[in-house]
Amino acid sequence: MMESITRLPERQAEPVKITINLGHVDLGRMDLLVREGFYANRTDFIRTAIRNQLTSEGRSVAQSIDRHQLELGMFDITRADLEAIATAGEKLHLKVVGLARIAADVSPALALSTIGSLNVLGSLQASKPVKAALKDRIT
């Protein structure tokens, strides 16, 4: 039933803000590279460093995705998707590396009756009532 869930282009999601702690020396070295014009700002440096690390570990990531049978990307789970799953008498078991977004008009009852499990490495966006209803099915 995974084929009924909409895969989004990567540009359609807002970036997620994270917080990190750095030592003073590392922060100073980063600021020096920014001042010297290697990077536009601290955020540019951090994004570049993360992308470079993910690229260098790309093969390991791909192997893990295959081994754990994960879907890579961003997915919109709509009310219509879940109603179709209910009509088919099936359950959705979604394993995502990226974003899973459950539409705001999905009721907790519909989510409970159609979603068997959600394993999201990245971000899960859903209403508080839906997240609360699915708390035992989210890993």
Foldseek 3Di string as FASTA:
>chain_A
DVVLWDFDDQVPDDDDDDDDDDDPVVVVVLVVCCVVPVAVDSVRVVVVVVVVVCVVCVVVVVVVCVVVVAAEGETEAEPVNLVVQVVVVHADAHHYEAEYEYDAPQALVSLVSHHQAYEYNHDYHYDPRNCVSCVVRYD
